[in-house]
Amino acid sequence: MARDAPTSPMAETFSRYFEMVLCDTAQTLWLAQRLRYDIYCREYGFEREEDCPGGLEQDEYDAQAHHCLIRHRDSGAVAGCLRLVYSDPGAALTQLPIERHGAAALEGSSIQPRCFPRSEICEISRIAVSRNFRRRARETASPVGDLEAATQDAADARSFPLLAAALFMAARVMVLRVDKPHVFAVMEPRLARMLERSGLCFQRLGPLVDYHGQRAGYYLHYTLPEHQASLAAPRDDLRDFFQAVEMQLAPQLAARPLPGLPPNPV
């Protein structure tokens, strides 16, 4: 049965101005890598420009990840991007990025990627929102937007980093599709608090580490089956917004299966 289109102001704003795009072609992956270069290299200096030939920020994990981006409908500009890295048995890289580059963020935690089958783990990474869509005061403090305002107890949608939350919801939809329920990430604690307000309750694993600023390792276990993918967010407007993201991305996943996955059953 088809679901009704989301009607909250936040959902309508997102659906009117933005669209989720599954990166399933060389061109769409190029767009994501170009945005990453603009943000991680030129704007914040997280990576060296000389290590990014052709103006693309890329690494060996790109070939072992599922990517998506947010595109502005009117201009066609790429507004944000994210990737979901997986680690299957026999994959070229058996360790997730957090295991290879951020082991200190897992120190002292009883939850480790090695605790689970390799076929069931993944990592959310390379989360970024274009600075053209972070124009308001303080929004340049983080590659994903104004996280300080987002952690306040305010219902005003203007204080909510819409695109950052949309990217994490897209990751959630992909996680359910690929059936890798044990999800890891390295992020700012402020971002984790913002995501908790939107119904994504990541568990912090270890100490803060200095990795492109103060960040920590986080874990989330997605237990819902795919047919229950609508998130019960704390606020009705956020739940409606998440449904809008899911309604855009889920048909693309069904129509164009991700690499290494069988087609959806008819």
C-alpha atoms as a PDB file:
ATOM      1  CA  MET A   1       0.000   0.000   0.000  1.00  0.00           C
ATOM      2  CA  ALA A   2       1.390   3.407  -0.944  1.00  0.00           C
ATOM      3  CA  ARG A   3       2.035   5.773   1.903  1.00  0.00           C
ATOM      4  CA  ASP A   4       0.708   9.304   1.982  1.00  0.00           C
ATOM      5  CA  ALA A   5       3.234  11.980   1.091  1.00  0.00           C
ATOM      6  CA  PRO A   6       4.721  13.730   4.135  1.00  0.00           C
ATOM      7  CA  THR A   7       3.019  17.037   4.895  1.00  0.00           C
ATOM      8  CA  SER A   8       5.001  18.713   7.703  1.00  0.00           C
ATOM      9  CA  PRO A   9       6.715  22.024   6.818  1.00  0.00           C
ATOM     10  CA  MET A  10      10.155  20.446   7.265  1.00  0.00           C
ATOM     11  CA  ALA A  11       9.320  17.519   4.984  1.00  0.00           C
ATOM     12  CA  GLU A  12       7.718  19.778   2.392  1.00  0.00           C
ATOM     13  CA  THR A  13      10.734  22.091   2.399  1.00  0.00           C
ATOM     14  CA  PHE A  14      13.136  19.231   1.850  1.00  0.00           C
ATOM     15  CA  SER A  15      11.038  17.550  -0.848  1.00  0.00           C
ATOM     16  CA  ARG A  16      10.461  20.829  -2.686  1.00  0.00           C
ATOM     17  CA  TYR A  17      14.075  21.961  -2.832  1.00  0.00           C
ATOM     18  CA  PHE A  18      16.179  18.784  -2.589  1.00  0.00           C
ATOM     19  CA  GLU A  19      16.400  15.249  -3.900  1.00  0.00           C
ATOM     20  CA  MET A  20      18.334  12.202  -2.696  1.00  0.00           C
ATOM     21  CA  VAL A  21      20.503  10.585  -5.389  1.00  0.00           C
ATOM     22  CA  LEU A  22      22.045   7.140  -5.167  1.00  0.00           C
ATOM     23  CA  CYS A  23      25.581   7.291  -6.601  1.00  0.00           C
ATOM     24  CA  ASP A  24      25.397   4.346  -8.961  1.00  0.00           C
ATOM     25  CA  THR A  25      27.314   5.863 -11.893  1.00  0.00           C
ATOM     26  CA  ALA A  26      30.846   7.199 -12.376  1.00  0.00           C
ATOM     27  CA  GLN A  27      29.410  10.691 -12.845  1.00  0.00           C
ATOM     28  CA  THR A  28      27.457  10.783  -9.587  1.00  0.00           C
ATOM     29  CA  LEU A  29      30.425   9.359  -7.666  1.00  0.00           C
ATOM     30  CA  TRP A  30      32.598  12.076  -9.256  1.00  0.00           C
ATOM     31  CA  LEU A  31      30.182  14.705  -7.966  1.00  0.00           C
ATOM     32  CA  ALA A  32      30.432  13.350  -4.410  1.00  0.00           C
ATOM     33  CA  GLN A  33      34.236  13.193  -4.540  1.00  0.00           C
ATOM     34  CA  ARG A  34      34.392  16.732  -5.912  1.00  0.00           C
ATOM     35  CA  LEU A  35      32.256  18.052  -3.066  1.00  0.00           C
ATOM     36  CA  ARG A  36      34.454  16.206  -0.572  1.00  0.00           C
ATOM     37  CA  TYR A  37      37.506  17.899  -2.118  1.00  0.00           C
ATOM     38  CA  ASP A  38      35.934  21.352  -1.828  1.00  0.00           C
ATOM     39  CA  ILE A  39      35.090  20.782   1.835  1.00  0.00           C
ATOM     40  CA  TYR A  40      37.756  18.484   3.290  1.00  0.00           C
ATOM     41  CA  CYS A  41      40.699  19.939   1.328  1.00  0.00           C
ATOM     42  CA  ARG A  42      40.019  23.523   0.298  1.00  0.00           C
ATOM     43  CA  GLU A  43      37.687  24.712   3.056  1.00  0.00           C
ATOM     44  CA  TYR A  44      38.906  22.887   6.168  1.00  0.00           C
ATOM     45  CA  GLY A  45      42.326  21.545   5.224  1.00  0.00           C
ATOM     46  CA  PHE A  46      41.593  18.073   6.606  1.00  0.00           C
ATOM     47  CA  GLU A  47      43.324  16.519   3.596  1.00  0.00           C
ATOM     48  CA  ARG A  48      46.177  17.914   1.492  1.00  0.00           C
ATOM     49  CA  GLU A  49      45.218  19.211  -1.924  1.00  0.00           C
ATOM     50  CA  GLU A  50      48.313  17.628  -3.445  1.00  0.00           C
ATOM     51  CA  ASP A  51      46.984  14.237  -2.351  1.00  0.00           C
ATOM     52  CA  CYS A  52      43.799  14.798  -4.354  1.00  0.00           C
ATOM     53  CA  PRO A  53      44.686  14.764  -8.068  1.00  0.00           C
ATOM     54  CA  GLY A  54      42.051  16.072 -10.412  1.00  0.00           C
ATOM     55  CA  GLY A  55      40.323  17.957  -7.625  1.00  0.00           C
ATOM     56  CA  LEU A  56      38.747  14.797  -6.210  1.00  0.00           C
ATOM     57  CA  GLU A  57      38.965  13.634  -2.600  1.00  0.00           C
ATOM     58  CA  GLN A  58      39.027   9.863  -2.807  1.00  0.00           C
ATOM     59  CA  ASP A  59      40.595   6.845  -1.132  1.00  0.00           C
ATOM     60  CA  GLU A  60      40.712   3.071  -1.362  1.00  0.00           C
ATOM     61  CA  TYR A  61      37.443   2.723   0.550  1.00  0.00           C
ATOM     62  CA  ASP A  62      35.401   4.421  -2.177  1.00  0.00           C
ATOM     63  CA  ALA A  63      35.394   1.180  -4.168  1.00  0.00           C
ATOM     64  CA  GLN A  64      34.120  -0.632  -1.078  1.00  0.00           C
ATOM     65  CA  ALA A  65      31.280   1.709  -0.190  1.00  0.00           C
ATOM     66  CA  HIS A  66      27.781   2.743  -1.177  1.00  0.00           C
ATOM     67  CA  HIS A  67      27.469   6.487  -1.827  1.00  0.00           C
ATOM     68  CA  CYS A  68      24.614   8.945  -1.987  1.00  0.00           C
ATOM     69  CA  LEU A  69      24.281  12.675  -2.384  1.00  0.00           C
ATOM     70  CA  ILE A  70      21.723  15.427  -1.989  1.00  0.00           C
ATOM     71  CA  ARG A  71      21.069  17.600  -5.036  1.00  0.00           C
ATOM     72  CA  HIS A  72      19.395  21.012  -5.106  1.00  0.00           C
ATOM     73  CA  ARG A  73      16.472  20.683  -7.503  1.00  0.00           C
ATOM     74  CA  ASP A  74      16.462  24.189  -9.000  1.00  0.00           C
ATOM     75  CA  SER A  75      20.188  24.630  -9.583  1.00  0.00           C
ATOM     76  CA  GLY A  76      21.364  21.027  -9.843  1.00  0.00           C
ATOM     77  CA  ALA A  77      24.111  21.824  -7.318  1.00  0.00           C
ATOM     78  CA  VAL A  78      25.330  19.047  -5.029  1.00  0.00           C
ATOM     79  CA  ALA A  79      24.325  20.045  -1.492  1.00  0.00           C
ATOM     80  CA  GLY A  80      25.684  17.114   0.526  1.00  0.00           C
ATOM     81  CA  CYS A  81      27.155  13.634   0.379  1.00  0.00           C
ATOM     82  CA  LEU A  82      27.813  10.541   2.475  1.00  0.00           C
ATOM     83  CA  ARG A  83      29.168   7.026   2.041  1.00  0.00           C
ATOM     84  CA  LEU A  84      28.497   3.719   3.767  1.00  0.00           C
ATOM     85  CA  VAL A  85      31.663   1.573   3.901  1.00  0.00           C
ATOM     86  CA  TYR A  86      31.265  -2.182   4.218  1.00  0.00           C
ATOM     87  CA  SER A  87      33.657  -4.995   5.073  1.00  0.00           C
ATOM     88  CA  ASP A  88      32.652  -8.381   3.753  1.00  0.00           C
ATOM     89  CA  PRO A  89      34.744 -11.533   4.129  1.00  0.00           C
ATOM     90  CA  GLY A  90      37.158 -11.604   1.223  1.00  0.00           C
ATOM     91  CA  ALA A  91      36.864  -7.864   0.560  1.00  0.00           C
ATOM     92  CA  ALA A  92      40.000  -5.993  -0.492  1.00  0.00           C
ATOM     93  CA  LEU A  93      39.998  -4.095   2.809  1.00  0.00           C
ATOM     94  CA  THR A  94      38.847  -6.276   5.668  1.00  0.00           C
ATOM     95  CA  GLN A  95      39.033  -3.504   8.270  1.00  0.00           C
ATOM     96  CA  LEU A  96      36.685  -0.529   8.450  1.00  0.00           C
ATOM     97  CA  PRO A  97      38.249   2.964   8.410  1.00  0.00           C
ATOM     98  CA  ILE A  98      37.650   3.323  12.157  1.00  0.00           C
ATOM     99  CA  GLU A  99      39.711   0.182  12.746  1.00  0.00           C
ATOM    100  CA  ARG A 100      42.612   1.295  10.530  1.00  0.00           C
ATOM    101  CA  HIS A 101      42.717   5.010  11.278  1.00  0.00           C
ATOM    102  CA  GLY A 102      40.706   5.607  14.458  1.00  0.00           C
ATOM    103  CA  ALA A 103      41.483   2.725  16.791  1.00  0.00           C
ATOM    104  CA  ALA A 104      42.019   5.172  19.661  1.00  0.00           C
ATOM    105  CA  ALA A 105      38.344   6.134  19.442  1.00  0.00           C
ATOM    106  CA  LEU A 106      37.434   2.524  20.319  1.00  0.00           C
ATOM    107  CA  GLU A 107      39.787   2.245  23.292  1.00  0.00           C
ATOM    108  CA  GLY A 108      38.170   0.705  26.384  1.00  0.00           C
ATOM    109  CA  SER A 109      34.916  -0.165  24.647  1.00  0.00           C
ATOM    110  CA  SER A 110      33.422  -3.652  24.832  1.00  0.00           C
ATOM    111  CA  ILE A 111      31.783  -2.957  21.449  1.00  0.00           C
ATOM    112  CA  GLN A 112      34.270  -3.396  18.635  1.00  0.00           C
ATOM    113  CA  PRO A 113      33.851  -4.183  14.919  1.00  0.00           C
ATOM    114  CA  ARG A 114      35.642  -7.484  15.546  1.00  0.00           C
ATOM    115  CA  CYS A 115      32.781  -8.542  17.849  1.00  0.00           C
ATOM    116  CA  PHE A 116      30.489  -9.081  14.852  1.00  0.00           C
ATOM    117  CA  PRO A 117      30.629 -11.034  11.594  1.00  0.00           C
ATOM    118  CA  ARG A 118      32.379  -8.994   8.926  1.00  0.00           C
ATOM    119  CA  SER A 119      29.330  -9.328   6.695  1.00  0.00           C
ATOM    120  CA  GLU A 120      27.188  -7.486   9.279  1.00  0.00           C
ATOM    121  CA  ILE A 121      29.270  -4.350   9.928  1.00  0.00           C
ATOM    122  CA  CYS A 122      29.532  -1.032   8.122  1.00  0.00           C
ATOM    123  CA  GLU A 123      30.690   2.519   8.766  1.00  0.00           C
ATOM    124  CA  ILE A 124      29.143   5.874   7.948  1.00  0.00           C
ATOM    125  CA  SER A 125      31.809   8.299   6.737  1.00  0.00           C
ATOM    126  CA  ARG A 126      32.641  11.263   4.512  1.00  0.00           C
ATOM    127  CA  ILE A 127      29.597  13.216   5.673  1.00  0.00           C
ATOM    128  CA  ALA A 128      29.603  16.731   4.243  1.00  0.00           C
ATOM    129  CA  VAL A 129      27.254  19.599   3.389  1.00  0.00           C
ATOM    130  CA  SER A 130      28.254  22.211   0.822  1.00  0.00           C
ATOM    131  CA  ARG A 131      29.163  25.598   2.250  1.00  0.00           C
ATOM    132  CA  ASN A 132      26.693  27.146  -0.206  1.00  0.00           C
ATOM    133  CA  PHE A 133      24.016  25.542   1.964  1.00  0.00           C
ATOM    134  CA  ARG A 134      25.669  26.595   5.243  1.00  0.00           C
ATOM    135  CA  ARG A 135      25.343  30.320   4.766  1.00  0.00           C
ATOM    136  CA  ARG A 136      23.856  31.365   8.079  1.00  0.00           C
ATOM    137  CA  ALA A 137      25.963  32.620  10.988  1.00  0.00           C
ATOM    138  CA  ARG A 138      27.965  29.875  12.739  1.00  0.00           C
ATOM    139  CA  GLU A 139      27.153  27.276  10.094  1.00  0.00           C
ATOM    140  CA  THR A 140      30.747  27.167   8.869  1.00  0.00           C
ATOM    141  CA  ALA A 141      31.923  25.836  12.244  1.00  0.00           C
ATOM    142  CA  SER A 142      31.348  22.261  11.075  1.00  0.00           C
ATOM    143  CA  PRO A 143      31.239  20.538   7.671  1.00  0.00           C
ATOM    144  CA  VAL A 144      27.664  19.464   8.432  1.00  0.00           C
ATOM    145  CA  GLY A 145      26.202  22.772   9.673  1.00  0.00           C
ATOM    146  CA  ASP A 146      25.342  24.610  12.889  1.00  0.00           C
ATOM    147  CA  LEU A 147      25.353  21.786  15.424  1.00  0.00           C
ATOM    148  CA  GLU A 148      25.274  24.056  18.468  1.00  0.00           C
ATOM    149  CA  ALA A 149      21.847  25.444  17.608  1.00  0.00           C
ATOM    150  CA  ALA A 150      20.650  21.983  16.718  1.00  0.00           C
ATOM    151  CA  THR A 151      21.258  20.661  20.236  1.00  0.00           C
ATOM    152  CA  GLN A 152      19.040  23.290  21.830  1.00  0.00           C
ATOM    153  CA  ASP A 153      15.535  22.323  22.885  1.00  0.00           C
ATOM    154  CA  ALA A 154      13.829  24.361  20.177  1.00  0.00           C
ATOM    155  CA  ALA A 155      11.147  23.234  17.770  1.00  0.00           C
ATOM    156  CA  ASP A 156      12.081  25.864  15.163  1.00  0.00           C
ATOM    157  CA  ALA A 157      13.008  23.970  11.993  1.00  0.00           C
ATOM    158  CA  ARG A 158      15.363  26.792  11.018  1.00  0.00           C
ATOM    159  CA  SER A 159      17.712  25.748  13.838  1.00  0.00           C
ATOM    160  CA  PHE A 160      17.820  22.155  12.607  1.00  0.00           C
ATOM    161  CA  PRO A 161      20.609  21.021  10.213  1.00  0.00           C
ATOM    162  CA  LEU A 162      18.173  19.644   7.687  1.00  0.00           C
ATOM    163  CA  LEU A 163      20.689  18.285   5.205  1.00  0.00           C
ATOM    164  CA  ALA A 164      22.932  16.594   7.773  1.00  0.00           C
ATOM    165  CA  ALA A 165      19.940  14.779   9.222  1.00  0.00           C
ATOM    166  CA  ALA A 166      18.769  13.839   5.716  1.00  0.00           C
ATOM    167  CA  LEU A 167      22.160  12.255   4.992  1.00  0.00           C
ATOM    168  CA  PHE A 168      22.024  10.117   8.124  1.00  0.00           C
ATOM    169  CA  MET A 169      18.489   9.052   7.299  1.00  0.00           C
ATOM    170  CA  ALA A 170      19.696   8.075   3.837  1.00  0.00           C
ATOM    171  CA  ALA A 171      22.430   6.018   5.489  1.00  0.00           C
ATOM    172  CA  ARG A 172      19.788   4.331   7.601  1.00  0.00           C
ATOM    173  CA  VAL A 173      17.794   3.384   4.515  1.00  0.00           C
ATOM    174  CA  MET A 174      20.937   1.949   2.893  1.00  0.00           C
ATOM    175  CA  VAL A 175      21.868   0.016   6.048  1.00  0.00           C
ATOM    176  CA  LEU A 176      18.498  -1.678   6.073  1.00  0.00           C
ATOM    177  CA  ARG A 177      18.797  -2.462   2.362  1.00  0.00           C
ATOM    178  CA  VAL A 178      22.243  -4.077   2.607  1.00  0.00           C
ATOM    179  CA  ASP A 179      21.384  -5.857   5.874  1.00  0.00           C
ATOM    180  CA  LYS A 180      24.486  -4.754   7.788  1.00  0.00           C
ATOM    181  CA  PRO A 181      22.923  -3.819  11.138  1.00  0.00           C
ATOM    182  CA  HIS A 182      26.076  -2.996  13.135  1.00  0.00           C
ATOM    183  CA  VAL A 183      26.934   0.583  12.244  1.00  0.00           C
ATOM    184  CA  PHE A 184      30.035   2.521  13.304  1.00  0.00           C
ATOM    185  CA  ALA A 185      30.970   6.178  12.849  1.00  0.00           C
ATOM    186  CA  VAL A 186      33.495   8.765  14.020  1.00  0.00           C
ATOM    187  CA  MET A 187      31.905  12.160  14.631  1.00  0.00           C
ATOM    188  CA  GLU A 188      31.676  15.219  16.823  1.00  0.00           C
ATOM    189  CA  PRO A 189      29.695  14.687  20.049  1.00  0.00           C
ATOM    190  CA  ARG A 190      27.527  17.652  19.079  1.00  0.00           C
ATOM    191  CA  LEU A 191      26.499  15.840  15.914  1.00  0.00           C
ATOM    192  CA  ALA A 192      25.632  12.732  17.938  1.00  0.00           C
ATOM    193  CA  ARG A 193      23.432  14.854  20.225  1.00  0.00           C
ATOM    194  CA  MET A 194      21.681  16.405  17.232  1.00  0.00           C
ATOM    195  CA  LEU A 195      21.033  12.956  15.781  1.00  0.00           C
ATOM    196  CA  GLU A 196      19.631  11.772  19.117  1.00  0.00           C
ATOM    197  CA  ARG A 197      17.069  14.567  18.944  1.00  0.00           C
ATOM    198  CA  SER A 198      16.055  13.230  15.552  1.00  0.00           C
ATOM    199  CA  GLY A 199      15.662   9.647  16.740  1.00  0.00           C
ATOM    200  CA  LEU A 200      19.082   8.216  15.819  1.00  0.00           C
ATOM    201  CA  CYS A 201      20.607   7.315  19.175  1.00  0.00           C
ATOM    202  CA  PHE A 202      24.271   6.470  18.621  1.00  0.00           C
ATOM    203  CA  GLN A 203      26.190   4.992  21.560  1.00  0.00           C
ATOM    204  CA  ARG A 204      29.548   6.560  22.297  1.00  0.00           C
ATOM    205  CA  LEU A 205      32.323   3.973  22.481  1.00  0.00           C
ATOM    206  CA  GLY A 206      35.554   5.539  23.684  1.00  0.00           C
ATOM    207  CA  PRO A 207      37.437   8.752  24.463  1.00  0.00           C
ATOM    208  CA  LEU A 208      37.612  11.908  22.412  1.00  0.00           C
ATOM    209  CA  VAL A 209      40.430  11.815  19.883  1.00  0.00           C
ATOM    210  CA  ASP A 210      42.017  14.588  17.868  1.00  0.00           C
ATOM    211  CA  TYR A 211      41.033  13.655  14.342  1.00  0.00           C
ATOM    212  CA  HIS A 212      40.111  16.712  12.288  1.00  0.00           C
ATOM    213  CA  GLY A 213      38.972  18.216  15.587  1.00  0.00           C
ATOM    214  CA  GLN A 214      37.616  16.525  18.695  1.00  0.00           C
ATOM    215  CA  ARG A 215      35.718  13.409  17.712  1.00  0.00           C
ATOM    216  CA  ALA A 216      34.672  10.092  19.210  1.00  0.00           C
ATOM    217  CA  GLY A 217      33.703   6.639  18.000  1.00  0.00           C
ATOM    218  CA  TYR A 218      30.011   5.741  17.943  1.00  0.00           C
ATOM    219  CA  TYR A 219      27.903   2.642  17.356  1.00  0.00           C
ATOM    220  CA  LEU A 220      24.291   2.041  16.414  1.00  0.00           C
ATOM    221  CA  HIS A 221      22.475  -1.270  16.016  1.00  0.00           C
ATOM    222  CA  TYR A 222      19.655  -1.176  13.495  1.00  0.00           C
ATOM    223  CA  THR A 223      17.234  -3.916  14.452  1.00  0.00           C
ATOM    224  CA  LEU A 224      14.166  -3.005  12.421  1.00  0.00           C
ATOM    225  CA  PRO A 225      13.395  -5.147   9.369  1.00  0.00           C
ATOM    226  CA  GLU A 226      13.148  -3.366   6.060  1.00  0.00           C
ATOM    227  CA  HIS A 227       9.340  -3.263   5.988  1.00  0.00           C
ATOM    228  CA  GLN A 228       9.361  -1.281   9.272  1.00  0.00           C
ATOM    229  CA  ALA A 229      11.879   1.280   8.078  1.00  0.00           C
ATOM    230  CA  SER A 230       9.807   4.364   9.014  1.00  0.00           C
ATOM    231  CA  LEU A 231      11.515   5.869  12.030  1.00  0.00           C
ATOM    232  CA  ALA A 232       9.573   6.760  15.161  1.00  0.00           C
ATOM    233  CA  ALA A 233      11.270  10.107  15.760  1.00  0.00           C
ATOM    234  CA  PRO A 234      10.579  12.147  18.928  1.00  0.00           C
ATOM    235  CA  ARG A 235       8.735  14.851  17.006  1.00  0.00           C
ATOM    236  CA  ASP A 236       6.033  14.380  14.402  1.00  0.00           C
ATOM    237  CA  ASP A 237       7.667  16.873  12.015  1.00  0.00           C
ATOM    238  CA  LEU A 238      10.947  14.933  12.105  1.00  0.00           C
ATOM    239  CA  ARG A 239       9.206  11.614  11.579  1.00  0.00           C
ATOM    240  CA  ASP A 240       7.481  13.092   8.542  1.00  0.00           C
ATOM    241  CA  PHE A 241      10.773  14.491   7.297  1.00  0.00           C
ATOM    242  CA  PHE A 242      12.489  11.120   7.603  1.00  0.00           C
ATOM    243  CA  GLN A 243       9.649   9.507   5.683  1.00  0.00           C
ATOM    244  CA  ALA A 244      10.207  12.032   2.875  1.00  0.00           C
ATOM    245  CA  VAL A 245      13.879  11.023   2.627  1.00  0.00           C
ATOM    246  CA  GLU A 246      13.001   7.337   2.636  1.00  0.00           C
ATOM    247  CA  MET A 247      10.349   7.757  -0.051  1.00  0.00           C
ATOM    248  CA  GLN A 248      12.935   9.372  -2.349  1.00  0.00           C
ATOM    249  CA  LEU A 249      15.796   6.939  -1.832  1.00  0.00           C
ATOM    250  CA  ALA A 250      14.106   3.553  -1.334  1.00  0.00           C
ATOM    251  CA  PRO A 251      12.765   3.270  -4.929  1.00  0.00           C
ATOM    252  CA  GLN A 252      16.256   3.972  -6.299  1.00  0.00           C
ATOM    253  CA  LEU A 253      17.711   1.204  -4.152  1.00  0.00           C
ATOM    254  CA  ALA A 254      15.030  -1.189  -5.338  1.00  0.00           C
ATOM    255  CA  ALA A 255      15.411  -0.258  -9.012  1.00  0.00           C
ATOM    256  CA  ARG A 256      19.209  -0.211  -9.067  1.00  0.00           C
ATOM    257  CA  PRO A 257      20.593  -2.750  -6.612  1.00  0.00           C
ATOM    258  CA  LEU A 258      23.841  -1.823  -4.928  1.00  0.00           C
ATOM    259  CA  PRO A 259      27.046  -3.641  -5.964  1.00  0.00           C
ATOM    260  CA  GLY A 260      27.308  -7.121  -4.501  1.00  0.00           C
ATOM    261  CA  LEU A 261      23.601  -7.403  -3.775  1.00  0.00           C
ATOM    262  CA  PRO A 262      21.017  -9.552  -5.505  1.00  0.00           C
ATOM    263  CA  PRO A 263      18.030  -7.771  -7.039  1.00  0.00           C
ATOM    264  CA  ASN A 264      15.070  -7.231  -4.765  1.00  0.00           C
ATOM    265  CA  PRO A 265      12.590 -10.108  -5.012  1.00  0.00           C
ATOM    266  CA  VAL A 266       9.590  -9.369  -7.190  1.00  0.00           C
END
